[in-house]
């Protein structure tokens, strides 16, 4: 636990963080999702902010979901845009999900692809939602991040490229991984509303 707390404090000091903000829901005039494959729509409610993607995608056919920067800017609230499209980070302990314990899945807040299951969520003490494995390996992309004078592995949504956070090798068993994710990069879907695969 001390290691996680130290990691969280160090990360909070080293990363450029934005102040806590409320996240007004985007209007319904956003462009419809394309290339949803075997997606099924979930009846979801806004409330944690940002663009609420529909449908929620539990099985992805590999087709990318692309928008240009201005379209993303119109779809997303400012904090979500900064974090997901410009690789920013939210302030530790400020997000909606860092301590959430409800059962369900966490989808990409930009395109609706399911990225994590609550069954793999754990309390790392860092102030960001943490998971020990993704919902499906193909749903998460990784790139090398050499910013801030460190060598880290950045993780993003494989479907739309939205920055999620980073993965570290100091997580719990069975994987030993810690996916440290921004709340605004995610949209929580309660277990009863998750489409069946």
N, C-alpha and C. Protein backbone atom coordinates (compact mmCIF):
# COMPACT_ATOMS: atom_id res chain seq x y z
N UNK A 1 0.83 -1.20 0.00
CA UNK A 1 0.00 0.00 0.00
C UNK A 1 0.86 1.26 0.00
N UNK A 2 1.93 1.24 0.78
CA UNK A 2 2.82 2.41 0.83
C UNK A 2 3.41 2.66 -0.55
N UNK A 3 3.77 1.57 -1.24
CA UNK A 3 4.32 1.74 -2.58
C UNK A 3 3.31 2.42 -3.50
N UNK A 4 2.04 1.99 -3.44
CA UNK A 4 1.00 2.60 -4.28
C UNK A 4 0.82 4.08 -3.94
N UNK A 5 0.81 4.40 -2.63
CA UNK A 5 0.64 5.78 -2.21
C UNK A 5 1.81 6.63 -2.69
N UNK A 6 3.02 6.11 -2.56
CA UNK A 6 4.19 6.84 -3.02
C UNK A 6 4.12 7.05 -4.52
N UNK A 7 3.74 6.01 -5.25
CA UNK A 7 3.60 6.13 -6.70
C UNK A 7 2.56 7.18 -7.06
N UNK A 8 1.43 7.17 -6.35
CA UNK A 8 0.36 8.13 -6.63
C UNK A 8 0.79 9.55 -6.36
N UNK A 9 1.47 9.78 -5.23
CA UNK A 9 1.93 11.12 -4.89
C UNK A 9 2.98 11.60 -5.88
N UNK A 10 3.90 10.72 -6.27
CA UNK A 10 4.93 11.09 -7.24
C UNK A 10 4.29 11.44 -8.57
N UNK A 11 3.33 10.61 -8.99
CA UNK A 11 2.67 10.88 -10.27
C UNK A 11 1.92 12.20 -10.22
N UNK A 12 1.25 12.46 -9.11
CA UNK A 12 0.49 13.71 -8.99
C UNK A 12 1.40 14.92 -9.06
N UNK A 13 2.59 14.80 -8.49
CA UNK A 13 3.55 15.90 -8.53
C UNK A 13 4.17 16.08 -9.90
N UNK A 14 4.38 14.97 -10.61
CA UNK A 14 5.10 15.02 -11.88
C UNK A 14 4.21 15.33 -13.07
N UNK A 15 2.95 14.98 -13.00
CA UNK A 15 2.07 15.17 -14.15
C UNK A 15 1.40 16.53 -14.11
N UNK A 16 1.18 17.07 -15.29
CA UNK A 16 0.44 18.32 -15.39
C UNK A 16 -1.02 18.01 -15.15
N UNK A 17 -1.57 18.49 -14.06
CA UNK A 17 -2.94 18.14 -13.69
C UNK A 17 -3.83 19.35 -13.83
N UNK A 18 -5.08 19.08 -14.11
CA UNK A 18 -6.04 20.17 -14.21
C UNK A 18 -6.90 20.18 -12.97
N UNK A 19 -7.48 21.33 -12.63
CA UNK A 19 -8.33 21.38 -11.46
C UNK A 19 -9.60 20.58 -11.66
N UNK A 20 -10.19 20.16 -10.54
CA UNK A 20 -11.45 19.42 -10.60
C UNK A 20 -12.51 20.30 -11.22
N UNK A 21 -13.26 19.73 -12.15
CA UNK A 21 -14.32 20.47 -12.82
C UNK A 21 -15.57 19.62 -12.86
N UNK A 22 -16.71 20.28 -13.05
CA UNK A 22 -17.91 19.51 -13.34
C UNK A 22 -17.89 19.25 -14.84
N UNK A 23 -18.55 18.20 -15.26
CA UNK A 23 -18.48 17.80 -16.65
C UNK A 23 -19.87 17.78 -17.26
N UNK A 24 -20.33 18.89 -17.83
CA UNK A 24 -21.67 18.90 -18.39
C UNK A 24 -21.79 17.94 -19.56
N UNK A 25 -22.94 17.31 -19.67
CA UNK A 25 -23.15 16.37 -20.76
C UNK A 25 -23.18 17.10 -22.09
N UNK A 26 -22.65 16.44 -23.11
CA UNK A 26 -22.69 16.99 -24.45
C UNK A 26 -24.11 16.91 -24.97
N UNK A 27 -24.40 17.73 -25.97
CA UNK A 27 -25.74 17.71 -26.55
C UNK A 27 -25.92 16.44 -27.37
N UNK A 28 -27.14 16.16 -27.76
CA UNK A 28 -27.45 14.95 -28.53
C UNK A 28 -27.12 15.11 -30.00
N UNK A 29 -26.47 16.21 -30.39
CA UNK A 29 -26.19 16.45 -31.80
C UNK A 29 -24.87 15.86 -32.25
N UNK A 30 -24.31 14.95 -31.47
CA UNK A 30 -23.04 14.33 -31.86
C UNK A 30 -23.27 13.36 -32.99
N UNK A 31 -22.19 13.10 -33.75
CA UNK A 31 -22.28 12.18 -34.87
C UNK A 31 -22.50 10.76 -34.36
N UNK A 32 -23.30 9.95 -35.07
CA UNK A 32 -23.54 8.59 -34.61
C UNK A 32 -22.29 7.74 -34.75
N UNK A 33 -22.18 6.74 -33.90
CA UNK A 33 -21.04 5.83 -33.97
C UNK A 33 -21.15 4.99 -35.22
N UNK A 34 -19.99 4.65 -35.78
CA UNK A 34 -19.98 3.77 -36.95
C UNK A 34 -19.10 2.58 -36.66
N UNK A 35 -19.28 1.52 -37.43
CA UNK A 35 -18.43 0.35 -37.30
C UNK A 35 -18.57 -0.34 -35.96
N UNK A 36 -19.79 -0.53 -35.49
CA UNK A 36 -19.99 -1.08 -34.16
C UNK A 36 -19.91 -2.59 -34.11
N UNK A 37 -19.85 -3.27 -35.23
CA UNK A 37 -19.71 -4.73 -35.23
C UNK A 37 -20.86 -5.39 -34.50
N UNK A 38 -20.55 -6.25 -33.52
CA UNK A 38 -21.57 -6.98 -32.78
C UNK A 38 -22.02 -6.20 -31.56
N UNK A 39 -22.12 -4.88 -31.69
CA UNK A 39 -22.48 -4.04 -30.56
C UNK A 39 -23.95 -4.17 -30.25
N UNK A 40 -24.28 -3.94 -28.99
CA UNK A 40 -25.68 -3.89 -28.57
C UNK A 40 -25.86 -2.63 -27.77
N UNK A 41 -26.97 -1.91 -27.99
CA UNK A 41 -27.18 -0.65 -27.31
C UNK A 41 -27.57 -0.88 -25.86
N UNK A 42 -27.02 -0.06 -24.98
CA UNK A 42 -27.39 -0.11 -23.58
C UNK A 42 -28.12 1.18 -23.24
N UNK A 43 -29.12 1.09 -22.40
CA UNK A 43 -29.83 2.28 -21.98
C UNK A 43 -29.04 2.89 -20.83
N UNK A 44 -28.29 3.93 -21.13
CA UNK A 44 -27.40 4.51 -20.13
C UNK A 44 -27.76 5.96 -19.88
N UNK A 45 -27.39 6.44 -18.74
CA UNK A 45 -27.70 7.79 -18.33
C UNK A 45 -26.42 8.61 -18.18
N UNK A 46 -26.51 9.88 -18.56
CA UNK A 46 -25.40 10.78 -18.30
C UNK A 46 -25.37 11.02 -16.80
N UNK A 47 -24.32 11.58 -16.31
CA UNK A 47 -24.25 11.86 -14.88
C UNK A 47 -22.82 11.94 -14.41
N UNK A 48 -21.93 11.21 -15.08
CA UNK A 48 -20.53 11.31 -14.73
C UNK A 48 -19.82 12.25 -15.69
N UNK A 49 -20.55 12.83 -16.62
CA UNK A 49 -20.02 13.90 -17.43
C UNK A 49 -19.51 13.46 -18.78
N UNK A 50 -19.24 14.46 -19.61
CA UNK A 50 -18.70 14.20 -20.93
C UNK A 50 -19.72 13.64 -21.89
N UNK A 51 -19.25 13.22 -23.01
CA UNK A 51 -20.06 12.59 -24.05
C UNK A 51 -20.45 11.20 -23.58
N UNK A 52 -21.72 10.85 -23.67
CA UNK A 52 -22.17 9.51 -23.29
C UNK A 52 -22.31 8.69 -24.56
N UNK A 53 -21.38 7.75 -24.80
CA UNK A 53 -21.40 7.01 -26.05
C UNK A 53 -22.46 5.93 -26.06
N UNK A 54 -23.15 5.78 -27.19
CA UNK A 54 -24.06 4.67 -27.42
C UNK A 54 -23.83 4.19 -28.84
N UNK A 55 -23.89 2.93 -29.13
CA UNK A 55 -24.11 1.85 -28.17
C UNK A 55 -22.83 1.48 -27.44
N UNK A 56 -22.99 0.76 -26.35
CA UNK A 56 -21.85 0.21 -25.64
C UNK A 56 -21.39 -1.03 -26.41
N UNK A 57 -20.11 -1.14 -26.66
CA UNK A 57 -19.59 -2.21 -27.51
C UNK A 57 -18.80 -3.21 -26.67
N UNK A 58 -19.35 -4.43 -26.59
CA UNK A 58 -18.65 -5.48 -25.85
C UNK A 58 -17.88 -6.41 -26.78
N UNK A 59 -18.27 -6.45 -28.05
CA UNK A 59 -17.54 -7.20 -29.06
C UNK A 59 -17.27 -6.26 -30.21
N UNK A 60 -16.00 -6.11 -30.54
CA UNK A 60 -15.58 -5.12 -31.53
C UNK A 60 -15.04 -5.81 -32.77
N UNK A 61 -15.43 -5.30 -33.94
CA UNK A 61 -15.01 -5.93 -35.20
C UNK A 61 -13.70 -5.37 -35.73
N UNK A 62 -13.05 -4.49 -34.98
CA UNK A 62 -11.75 -3.96 -35.40
C UNK A 62 -11.82 -2.70 -36.22
N UNK A 63 -13.03 -2.23 -36.58
CA UNK A 63 -13.15 -1.01 -37.38
C UNK A 63 -12.94 0.21 -36.48
N UNK A 64 -12.04 1.11 -36.85
CA UNK A 64 -11.77 2.28 -36.01
C UNK A 64 -12.93 3.29 -36.02
N UNK A 65 -12.98 4.07 -34.97
CA UNK A 65 -13.96 5.16 -34.84
C UNK A 65 -13.14 6.44 -34.89
N UNK A 66 -13.23 7.16 -35.99
CA UNK A 66 -12.37 8.33 -36.17
C UNK A 66 -13.16 9.62 -36.27
N UNK A 67 -12.57 10.67 -35.72
CA UNK A 67 -13.08 12.03 -35.80
C UNK A 67 -11.88 12.95 -35.87
N UNK A 68 -12.05 14.13 -36.48
CA UNK A 68 -10.94 15.07 -36.44
C UNK A 68 -10.99 15.85 -35.12
N UNK A 69 -9.96 16.62 -34.85
CA UNK A 69 -9.82 17.29 -33.56
C UNK A 69 -11.00 18.19 -33.25
N UNK A 70 -11.51 18.89 -34.24
CA UNK A 70 -12.63 19.80 -33.99
C UNK A 70 -13.91 19.04 -33.68
N UNK A 71 -14.13 17.92 -34.34
CA UNK A 71 -15.30 17.11 -34.02
C UNK A 71 -15.21 16.58 -32.60
N UNK A 72 -14.02 16.10 -32.19
CA UNK A 72 -13.86 15.65 -30.81
C UNK A 72 -14.10 16.80 -29.84
N UNK A 73 -13.60 17.97 -30.17
CA UNK A 73 -13.76 19.13 -29.27
C UNK A 73 -15.23 19.47 -29.08
N UNK A 74 -16.03 19.32 -30.14
CA UNK A 74 -17.46 19.59 -30.04
C UNK A 74 -18.19 18.52 -29.24
N UNK A 75 -17.72 17.28 -29.31
CA UNK A 75 -18.38 16.16 -28.65
C UNK A 75 -18.10 16.10 -27.16
N UNK A 76 -16.91 16.52 -26.75
CA UNK A 76 -16.45 16.30 -25.38
C UNK A 76 -16.39 17.58 -24.57
N UNK A 77 -16.56 17.45 -23.25
CA UNK A 77 -16.35 18.62 -22.40
C UNK A 77 -14.85 18.91 -22.35
N UNK A 78 -14.45 20.12 -21.92
CA UNK A 78 -13.03 20.51 -21.99
C UNK A 78 -12.06 19.58 -21.27
N UNK A 79 -12.41 19.12 -20.07
CA UNK A 79 -11.49 18.25 -19.34
C UNK A 79 -11.34 16.90 -20.04
N UNK A 80 -12.46 16.32 -20.48
CA UNK A 80 -12.39 15.04 -21.17
C UNK A 80 -11.59 15.16 -22.47
N UNK A 81 -11.76 16.27 -23.18
CA UNK A 81 -10.99 16.49 -24.41
C UNK A 81 -9.50 16.57 -24.08
N UNK A 82 -9.15 17.33 -23.06
CA UNK A 82 -7.73 17.50 -22.72
C UNK A 82 -7.09 16.18 -22.33
N UNK A 83 -7.81 15.38 -21.53
CA UNK A 83 -7.25 14.11 -21.07
C UNK A 83 -7.21 13.08 -22.20
N UNK A 84 -8.33 12.90 -22.90
CA UNK A 84 -8.42 11.80 -23.86
C UNK A 84 -7.82 12.10 -25.22
N UNK A 85 -7.86 13.35 -25.66
CA UNK A 85 -7.37 13.67 -27.00
C UNK A 85 -6.00 14.34 -26.96
N UNK A 86 -5.58 14.86 -25.78
CA UNK A 86 -4.28 15.52 -25.67
C UNK A 86 -3.38 14.87 -24.62
N UNK A 87 -3.75 13.66 -24.18
CA UNK A 87 -2.96 12.88 -23.22
C UNK A 87 -2.70 13.63 -21.92
N UNK A 88 -3.73 14.33 -21.45
CA UNK A 88 -3.62 15.01 -20.16
C UNK A 88 -3.91 14.04 -19.02
N UNK A 89 -4.01 14.57 -17.82
CA UNK A 89 -4.35 13.73 -16.67
C UNK A 89 -5.23 14.52 -15.73
N UNK A 90 -6.19 13.85 -15.11
CA UNK A 90 -7.02 14.52 -14.11
C UNK A 90 -6.29 14.47 -12.76
N UNK A 91 -6.66 15.37 -11.87
CA UNK A 91 -6.03 15.40 -10.55
C UNK A 91 -6.39 14.15 -9.76
N UNK A 92 -5.42 13.60 -9.05
CA UNK A 92 -5.65 12.40 -8.24
C UNK A 92 -6.79 12.65 -7.25
N UNK A 93 -7.62 11.64 -7.03
CA UNK A 93 -8.75 11.66 -6.11
C UNK A 93 -9.87 12.62 -6.53
N UNK A 94 -9.82 13.14 -7.75
CA UNK A 94 -10.85 14.09 -8.19
C UNK A 94 -11.89 13.44 -9.11
N UNK A 95 -11.58 12.27 -9.67
CA UNK A 95 -12.48 11.65 -10.64
C UNK A 95 -13.64 10.91 -10.00
N UNK A 96 -14.64 10.62 -10.81
CA UNK A 96 -15.86 9.97 -10.33
C UNK A 96 -15.67 8.52 -9.95
N UNK A 97 -14.62 7.86 -10.46
CA UNK A 97 -14.53 6.41 -10.32
C UNK A 97 -13.38 5.89 -9.47
N UNK A 98 -12.55 6.74 -8.93
CA UNK A 98 -11.36 6.22 -8.24
C UNK A 98 -11.72 5.28 -7.09
N UNK A 99 -12.88 5.52 -6.46
CA UNK A 99 -13.27 4.68 -5.32
C UNK A 99 -14.62 3.99 -5.55
N UNK A 100 -15.06 3.94 -6.81
CA UNK A 100 -16.37 3.33 -7.11
C UNK A 100 -16.28 1.82 -6.94
N UNK A 101 -17.31 1.24 -6.30
CA UNK A 101 -17.30 -0.19 -6.01
C UNK A 101 -18.44 -0.95 -6.69
N UNK A 102 -19.30 -0.28 -7.42
CA UNK A 102 -20.45 -0.93 -8.04
C UNK A 102 -20.01 -1.92 -9.12
N UNK A 103 -20.85 -2.94 -9.35
CA UNK A 103 -20.57 -3.94 -10.37
C UNK A 103 -21.02 -3.44 -11.73
N UNK A 104 -20.18 -3.71 -12.73
CA UNK A 104 -20.49 -3.29 -14.08
C UNK A 104 -19.23 -3.26 -14.92
N UNK A 105 -19.28 -2.51 -16.02
CA UNK A 105 -18.12 -2.37 -16.89
C UNK A 105 -17.82 -0.89 -17.11
N UNK A 106 -16.59 -0.65 -17.52
CA UNK A 106 -16.14 0.72 -17.80
C UNK A 106 -15.81 0.80 -19.30
N UNK A 107 -16.58 1.63 -20.01
CA UNK A 107 -16.40 1.80 -21.45
C UNK A 107 -15.61 3.07 -21.72
N UNK A 108 -15.04 3.16 -22.90
CA UNK A 108 -14.36 4.38 -23.33
C UNK A 108 -15.38 5.52 -23.36
N UNK A 109 -15.03 6.63 -22.74
CA UNK A 109 -15.96 7.77 -22.69
C UNK A 109 -16.09 8.46 -24.04
N UNK A 110 -15.23 8.13 -24.99
CA UNK A 110 -15.28 8.77 -26.31
C UNK A 110 -16.06 7.97 -27.34
N UNK A 111 -16.00 6.61 -27.25
CA UNK A 111 -16.62 5.82 -28.33
C UNK A 111 -17.45 4.64 -27.85
N UNK A 112 -17.45 4.31 -26.56
CA UNK A 112 -18.32 3.26 -26.05
C UNK A 112 -17.74 1.86 -26.02
N UNK A 113 -16.49 1.67 -26.46
CA UNK A 113 -15.89 0.35 -26.41
C UNK A 113 -15.60 -0.04 -24.96
N UNK A 114 -16.06 -1.21 -24.53
CA UNK A 114 -15.84 -1.64 -23.15
C UNK A 114 -14.36 -1.96 -22.96
N UNK A 115 -13.74 -1.32 -21.95
CA UNK A 115 -12.31 -1.45 -21.72
C UNK A 115 -11.96 -2.24 -20.47
N UNK A 116 -12.78 -2.12 -19.40
CA UNK A 116 -12.48 -2.78 -18.14
C UNK A 116 -13.75 -3.29 -17.48
N UNK A 117 -13.60 -4.34 -16.68
CA UNK A 117 -14.69 -4.92 -15.90
C UNK A 117 -14.45 -4.59 -14.42
N UNK A 118 -15.52 -4.30 -13.69
CA UNK A 118 -15.37 -3.98 -12.26
C UNK A 118 -14.76 -5.14 -11.48
N UNK A 119 -14.86 -6.37 -12.01
CA UNK A 119 -14.29 -7.53 -11.33
C UNK A 119 -12.77 -7.44 -11.23
N UNK A 120 -12.16 -6.66 -12.11
CA UNK A 120 -10.69 -6.54 -12.11
C UNK A 120 -10.22 -5.22 -11.51
N UNK A 121 -11.15 -4.46 -10.93
CA UNK A 121 -10.81 -3.17 -10.33
C UNK A 121 -10.32 -3.39 -8.91
N UNK A 122 -9.32 -2.63 -8.50
CA UNK A 122 -8.82 -2.73 -7.13
C UNK A 122 -8.43 -1.34 -6.64
N UNK A 123 -8.38 -1.20 -5.34
CA UNK A 123 -8.04 0.10 -4.75
C UNK A 123 -6.52 0.18 -4.59
N UNK A 124 -5.90 0.99 -5.42
CA UNK A 124 -4.44 1.10 -5.43
C UNK A 124 -3.93 2.16 -4.46
N UNK A 125 -4.81 3.08 -4.04
CA UNK A 125 -4.39 4.17 -3.18
C UNK A 125 -3.78 5.34 -3.93
N UNK A 126 -3.77 5.27 -5.27
CA UNK A 126 -3.15 6.32 -6.07
C UNK A 126 -4.09 7.49 -6.35
N UNK A 127 -5.41 7.27 -6.21
CA UNK A 127 -6.37 8.32 -6.52
C UNK A 127 -6.93 8.25 -7.93
N UNK A 128 -6.57 7.19 -8.67
CA UNK A 128 -7.13 6.95 -10.00
C UNK A 128 -7.72 5.55 -10.04
N UNK A 129 -8.76 5.32 -10.85
CA UNK A 129 -9.27 3.96 -10.99
C UNK A 129 -8.15 3.03 -11.46
N UNK A 130 -8.05 1.86 -10.84
CA UNK A 130 -6.99 0.91 -11.17
C UNK A 130 -7.58 -0.47 -11.43
N UNK A 131 -7.07 -1.12 -12.46
CA UNK A 131 -7.54 -2.44 -12.88
C UNK A 131 -6.32 -3.33 -13.12
N UNK A 132 -6.47 -4.65 -12.90
CA UNK A 132 -5.32 -5.51 -13.14
C UNK A 132 -5.33 -6.17 -14.52
N UNK A 133 -6.41 -5.99 -15.28
CA UNK A 133 -6.40 -6.45 -16.67
C UNK A 133 -7.55 -5.79 -17.43
N UNK A 134 -7.41 -5.70 -18.77
CA UNK A 134 -8.49 -5.12 -19.58
C UNK A 134 -9.63 -6.10 -19.81
N UNK A 135 -10.75 -5.60 -20.23
CA UNK A 135 -11.92 -6.41 -20.57
C UNK A 135 -11.57 -7.41 -21.67
N UNK A 136 -10.87 -6.92 -22.69
CA UNK A 136 -10.37 -7.77 -23.79
C UNK A 136 -9.06 -7.17 -24.25
N UNK A 137 -8.07 -8.00 -24.46
CA UNK A 137 -6.75 -7.50 -24.86
C UNK A 137 -6.81 -6.65 -26.11
N UNK A 138 -7.67 -7.03 -27.07
CA UNK A 138 -7.76 -6.30 -28.34
C UNK A 138 -8.39 -4.92 -28.17
N UNK A 139 -9.01 -4.64 -27.04
CA UNK A 139 -9.68 -3.35 -26.83
C UNK A 139 -8.74 -2.26 -26.32
N UNK A 140 -7.53 -2.65 -25.91
CA UNK A 140 -6.56 -1.69 -25.36
C UNK A 140 -5.32 -1.65 -26.25
N UNK A 141 -4.89 -0.45 -26.59
CA UNK A 141 -3.63 -0.27 -27.32
C UNK A 141 -2.58 0.29 -26.38
N UNK A 142 -1.32 0.08 -26.70
CA UNK A 142 -0.22 0.57 -25.87
C UNK A 142 0.80 1.29 -26.75
N UNK A 143 1.37 2.36 -26.20
CA UNK A 143 2.46 3.07 -26.85
C UNK A 143 3.49 3.44 -25.80
N UNK A 144 4.72 3.64 -26.24
CA UNK A 144 5.78 4.06 -25.33
C UNK A 144 5.67 5.55 -25.09
N UNK A 145 5.70 5.95 -23.83
CA UNK A 145 5.59 7.35 -23.44
C UNK A 145 6.91 7.77 -22.78
N UNK A 146 7.61 8.69 -23.45
CA UNK A 146 8.89 9.18 -22.91
C UNK A 146 8.78 10.59 -22.36
N UNK A 147 7.57 11.05 -22.11
CA UNK A 147 7.37 12.41 -21.59
C UNK A 147 7.81 12.50 -20.13
N UNK A 148 8.06 13.69 -19.67
CA UNK A 148 8.42 13.99 -18.27
C UNK A 148 9.71 13.29 -17.84
N UNK A 149 10.55 12.94 -18.79
CA UNK A 149 11.82 12.33 -18.46
C UNK A 149 11.71 10.91 -17.93
N UNK A 150 10.57 10.26 -18.17
CA UNK A 150 10.34 8.89 -17.71
C UNK A 150 10.02 8.00 -18.90
N UNK A 151 10.21 6.71 -18.73
CA UNK A 151 9.81 5.72 -19.73
C UNK A 151 8.62 4.97 -19.17
N UNK A 152 7.45 5.19 -19.77
CA UNK A 152 6.22 4.56 -19.30
C UNK A 152 5.48 3.96 -20.48
N UNK A 153 4.49 3.12 -20.18
CA UNK A 153 3.63 2.55 -21.21
C UNK A 153 2.27 3.20 -21.12
N UNK A 154 1.94 3.98 -22.14
CA UNK A 154 0.64 4.67 -22.21
C UNK A 154 -0.38 3.70 -22.77
N UNK A 155 -1.60 3.73 -22.24
CA UNK A 155 -2.67 2.89 -22.78
C UNK A 155 -3.77 3.75 -23.35
N UNK A 156 -4.35 3.28 -24.45
CA UNK A 156 -5.42 4.03 -25.12
C UNK A 156 -6.48 3.06 -25.63
N UNK A 157 -7.64 3.60 -25.92
CA UNK A 157 -8.72 2.82 -26.52
C UNK A 157 -8.28 2.40 -27.92
N UNK A 158 -8.35 1.10 -28.21
CA UNK A 158 -7.92 0.62 -29.52
C UNK A 158 -8.86 1.06 -30.62
N UNK A 159 -10.11 1.37 -30.29
CA UNK A 159 -11.09 1.74 -31.32
C UNK A 159 -10.96 3.20 -31.75
N UNK A 160 -10.82 4.11 -30.80
CA UNK A 160 -10.80 5.54 -31.16
C UNK A 160 -9.51 6.25 -30.78
N UNK A 161 -8.60 5.56 -30.09
CA UNK A 161 -7.33 6.18 -29.74
C UNK A 161 -7.36 7.06 -28.51
N UNK A 162 -8.47 7.12 -27.79
CA UNK A 162 -8.57 8.00 -26.62
C UNK A 162 -7.57 7.58 -25.54
N UNK A 163 -6.78 8.53 -25.07
CA UNK A 163 -5.83 8.29 -23.98
C UNK A 163 -6.60 7.88 -22.74
N UNK A 164 -6.15 6.78 -22.11
CA UNK A 164 -6.79 6.29 -20.89
C UNK A 164 -5.92 6.53 -19.66
N UNK A 165 -4.63 6.30 -19.78
CA UNK A 165 -3.71 6.44 -18.66
C UNK A 165 -2.44 5.66 -18.96
N UNK A 166 -1.93 4.93 -17.96
CA UNK A 166 -0.70 4.16 -18.11
C UNK A 166 -0.85 2.80 -17.43
N UNK A 167 0.00 1.85 -17.83
CA UNK A 167 0.02 0.54 -17.18
C UNK A 167 1.40 0.35 -16.55
N UNK A 168 1.40 -0.17 -15.32
CA UNK A 168 2.63 -0.38 -14.54
C UNK A 168 2.72 -1.84 -14.10
N UNK A 169 3.92 -2.27 -13.78
CA UNK A 169 4.16 -3.65 -13.37
C UNK A 169 4.18 -3.82 -11.86
N UNK A 170 3.32 -3.11 -11.16
CA UNK A 170 3.29 -3.21 -9.70
C UNK A 170 1.89 -3.51 -9.17
N UNK A 171 1.09 -4.20 -9.99
CA UNK A 171 -0.29 -4.52 -9.61
C UNK A 171 -0.39 -5.86 -8.90
N UNK A 172 -1.60 -6.24 -8.54
CA UNK A 172 -1.83 -7.50 -7.81
C UNK A 172 -1.85 -8.71 -8.75
N UNK A 173 -1.82 -9.87 -8.17
CA UNK A 173 -2.01 -11.11 -8.92
C UNK A 173 -3.47 -11.17 -9.40
N UNK A 174 -3.78 -11.83 -10.48
CA UNK A 174 -2.92 -12.79 -11.17
C UNK A 174 -2.02 -12.19 -12.25
N UNK A 175 -2.16 -10.91 -12.61
CA UNK A 175 -1.39 -10.37 -13.73
C UNK A 175 -0.15 -9.60 -13.29
N UNK A 176 -0.19 -9.03 -12.08
CA UNK A 176 0.91 -8.17 -11.64
C UNK A 176 0.90 -6.80 -12.30
N UNK A 177 -0.19 -6.48 -13.00
CA UNK A 177 -0.30 -5.20 -13.71
C UNK A 177 -1.23 -4.24 -12.98
N UNK A 178 -0.96 -2.95 -13.18
CA UNK A 178 -1.84 -1.90 -12.65
C UNK A 178 -2.13 -0.92 -13.79
N UNK A 179 -3.35 -1.03 -14.33
CA UNK A 179 -3.80 -0.06 -15.32
C UNK A 179 -4.34 1.14 -14.56
N UNK A 180 -3.60 2.23 -14.59
CA UNK A 180 -3.94 3.45 -13.85
C UNK A 180 -4.65 4.38 -14.83
N UNK A 181 -5.96 4.56 -14.67
CA UNK A 181 -6.82 5.14 -15.70
C UNK A 181 -7.51 6.42 -15.18
N UNK A 182 -7.68 7.38 -16.05
CA UNK A 182 -8.42 8.60 -15.72
C UNK A 182 -9.92 8.32 -15.72
N UNK A 183 -10.63 8.81 -14.71
CA UNK A 183 -12.08 8.63 -14.66
C UNK A 183 -12.77 9.22 -15.88
N UNK A 184 -12.32 10.40 -16.34
CA UNK A 184 -13.00 11.05 -17.47
C UNK A 184 -12.77 10.31 -18.78
N UNK A 185 -11.83 9.37 -18.80
CA UNK A 185 -11.62 8.55 -19.99
C UNK A 185 -12.62 7.40 -20.06
N UNK A 186 -13.38 7.21 -18.98
CA UNK A 186 -14.27 6.07 -18.85
C UNK A 186 -15.73 6.49 -18.70
N UNK A 187 -16.62 5.55 -19.01
CA UNK A 187 -18.05 5.72 -18.70
C UNK A 187 -18.51 4.41 -18.07
N UNK A 188 -19.03 4.48 -16.85
CA UNK A 188 -19.46 3.29 -16.13
C UNK A 188 -20.85 2.85 -16.59
N UNK A 189 -21.00 1.55 -16.82
CA UNK A 189 -22.29 0.97 -17.19
C UNK A 189 -22.63 -0.09 -16.14
N UNK A 190 -23.73 0.06 -15.38
CA UNK A 190 -24.09 -0.92 -14.36
C UNK A 190 -24.28 -2.31 -14.95
N UNK A 191 -24.01 -3.32 -14.14
CA UNK A 191 -24.04 -4.71 -14.58
C UNK A 191 -25.35 -5.08 -15.29
N UNK A 192 -26.48 -4.60 -14.76
CA UNK A 192 -27.79 -4.95 -15.35
C UNK A 192 -27.97 -4.38 -16.75
N UNK A 193 -27.19 -3.37 -17.11
CA UNK A 193 -27.33 -2.72 -18.42
C UNK A 193 -26.26 -3.13 -19.42
N UNK A 194 -25.40 -4.06 -19.04
CA UNK A 194 -24.32 -4.47 -19.94
C UNK A 194 -24.86 -5.45 -20.97
N UNK A 195 -24.68 -5.16 -22.26
CA UNK A 195 -25.14 -6.09 -23.30
C UNK A 195 -24.39 -7.42 -23.18
N UNK A 196 -25.08 -8.50 -23.51
CA UNK A 196 -24.46 -9.81 -23.48
C UNK A 196 -23.56 -9.98 -24.70
N UNK A 197 -22.45 -10.70 -24.50
CA UNK A 197 -21.54 -10.95 -25.62
C UNK A 197 -22.09 -12.08 -26.49
